[in-house]
Protein backbone atom coordinates (compact mmCIF):
# COMPACT_ATOMS: atom_id res chain seq x y z
CA UNK A 1 -59.64 -9.12 10.26
CA UNK A 2 -63.37 -9.27 9.91
CA UNK A 3 -65.46 -12.45 10.20
CA UNK A 4 -66.92 -14.22 7.24
CA UNK A 5 -70.26 -12.71 6.22
CA UNK A 6 -72.06 -15.87 7.25
CA UNK A 7 -70.79 -15.38 10.75
CA UNK A 8 -72.94 -12.23 11.15
CA UNK A 9 -76.57 -11.83 12.16
CA UNK A 10 -78.81 -8.72 11.56
CA UNK A 11 -80.69 -6.63 14.15
CA UNK A 12 -82.57 -3.53 13.12
CA UNK A 13 -85.40 -1.01 13.63
CA UNK A 14 -86.60 -0.32 10.11
CA UNK A 15 -84.48 2.86 10.00
CA UNK A 16 -81.05 1.25 10.33
CA UNK A 17 -79.41 -2.01 11.14
CA UNK A 18 -76.40 -3.53 12.83
CA UNK A 19 -74.42 -6.67 12.02
CA UNK A 20 -73.60 -8.80 15.08
CA UNK A 21 -70.70 -11.31 14.73
CA UNK A 22 -70.84 -14.79 16.34
CA UNK A 23 -67.95 -13.50 18.50
CA UNK A 24 -70.29 -11.05 20.32
CA UNK A 25 -69.02 -8.00 18.34
CA UNK A 26 -71.20 -5.42 16.59
CA UNK A 27 -69.00 -4.71 13.63
CA UNK A 28 -71.24 -2.55 11.53
CA UNK A 29 -73.75 0.17 12.57
CA UNK A 30 -74.84 3.29 10.79
CA UNK A 31 -76.94 5.81 12.73
CA UNK A 32 -79.41 7.37 12.50
CA UNK A 33 -80.18 5.89 9.07
CA UNK A 34 -78.87 3.28 6.68
CA UNK A 35 -77.22 6.00 4.54
CA UNK A 36 -75.52 7.67 7.49
CA UNK A 37 -71.83 7.32 8.31
CA UNK A 38 -70.85 4.21 10.26
CA UNK A 39 -69.99 4.46 13.93
CA UNK A 40 -68.91 0.88 14.02
CA UNK A 41 -67.01 -0.35 10.90
CA UNK A 42 -64.83 -3.32 11.86
CA UNK A 43 -66.59 -5.19 9.16
CA UNK A 44 -64.41 -3.26 6.62
CA UNK A 45 -61.08 -3.77 8.37
CA UNK A 46 -60.01 -4.31 11.98
CA UNK A 47 -61.26 -3.60 15.46
CA UNK A 48 -59.56 -0.19 15.06
CA UNK A 49 -62.36 0.69 12.65
CA UNK A 50 -64.78 0.52 15.60
CA UNK A 51 -66.78 -2.23 17.19
CA UNK A 52 -68.71 -3.06 20.43
CA UNK A 53 -67.77 -6.53 21.68
CA UNK A 54 -69.28 -8.38 24.67
CA UNK A 55 -67.75 -11.90 25.02
CA UNK A 56 -66.12 -14.22 27.54
CA UNK A 57 -62.34 -13.66 28.07
CA UNK A 58 -61.61 -17.35 28.41
CA UNK A 59 -61.69 -19.65 25.41
CA UNK A 60 -65.14 -20.46 24.00
CA UNK A 61 -65.94 -24.06 23.49
CA UNK A 62 -69.23 -23.57 21.70
CA UNK A 63 -71.38 -20.78 20.32
CA UNK A 64 -75.10 -21.18 19.71
CA UNK A 65 -77.25 -18.45 18.02
CA UNK A 66 -80.95 -17.92 17.38
CA UNK A 67 -83.47 -15.32 16.83
CA UNK A 68 -86.34 -15.37 19.37
CA UNK A 69 -89.40 -16.64 17.48
CA UNK A 70 -91.13 -13.95 15.41
CA UNK A 71 -88.59 -11.24 16.25
CA UNK A 72 -85.26 -9.72 15.33
CA UNK A 73 -84.03 -10.24 18.90
CA UNK A 74 -80.81 -12.13 18.57
CA UNK A 75 -79.59 -14.48 21.24
CA UNK A 76 -75.88 -15.60 21.20
CA UNK A 77 -74.92 -18.22 23.76
CA UNK A 78 -71.25 -18.76 24.67
CA UNK A 79 -70.23 -21.89 26.46
CA UNK A 80 -66.86 -21.93 28.29
CA UNK A 81 -65.08 -24.31 30.66
CA UNK A 82 -66.53 -22.26 33.62
CA UNK A 83 -70.10 -21.77 32.42
CA UNK A 84 -72.41 -20.33 29.93
CA UNK A 85 -73.48 -16.78 29.21
CA UNK A 86 -75.91 -15.30 26.62
CA UNK A 87 -75.66 -11.92 24.92
CA UNK A 88 -79.11 -10.76 23.82
CA UNK A 89 -79.15 -8.01 21.08
CA UNK A 90 -81.99 -5.98 19.66
CA UNK A 91 -82.83 -2.47 18.45
CA UNK A 92 -85.93 -0.74 19.83
CA UNK A 93 -88.72 0.04 17.36
CA UNK A 94 -90.32 2.93 19.33
CA UNK A 95 -87.46 5.09 20.42
CA UNK A 96 -87.11 8.49 18.62
CA UNK A 97 -83.52 7.71 17.81
CA UNK A 98 -81.98 4.35 16.97
CA UNK A 99 -81.16 2.48 20.18
CA UNK A 100 -79.20 -0.78 20.48
CA UNK A 101 -79.98 -2.85 23.49
CA UNK A 102 -77.51 -5.48 24.66
CA UNK A 103 -78.34 -7.68 27.62
CA UNK A 104 -75.96 -10.15 29.28
CA UNK A 105 -77.66 -13.16 30.91
CA UNK A 106 -75.52 -15.39 33.06
CA UNK A 107 -76.34 -19.09 32.76
CA UNK A 108 -73.44 -20.28 34.91
CA UNK A 109 -70.17 -18.75 36.28
CA UNK A 110 -69.97 -15.35 34.61
CA UNK A 111 -67.10 -13.92 36.60
CA UNK A 112 -64.77 -14.09 33.56
CA UNK A 113 -66.92 -12.04 31.10
CA UNK A 114 -65.90 -8.68 29.92
CA UNK A 115 -67.04 -5.81 27.65
CA UNK A 116 -64.66 -3.98 25.40
CA UNK A 117 -64.95 -1.30 22.71
């Protein structure tokens, strides 16, 4: 089941955009343009509809989100019992084709983080 719409944040490159859930999942992305078919569409159903999730495997105690000032660079910080990790999401503005960039920044013990499609 998809998250509530208020649990999503937008990243984009002026040609297309992605919706990133507060659970670290990109649940909607159409490429190369807004009117293209979706390659991730979990927003409309379940994870079986396609998503890209980066999140801790252990229970998350707290999630903090923010856009870096003056940008559409989204930072989602997950706090767990063993530490804190941030997932930083953006789309490049200068690439010839839409490009999603996802960085994982360890801010504590990150040995229990995973990426899953």
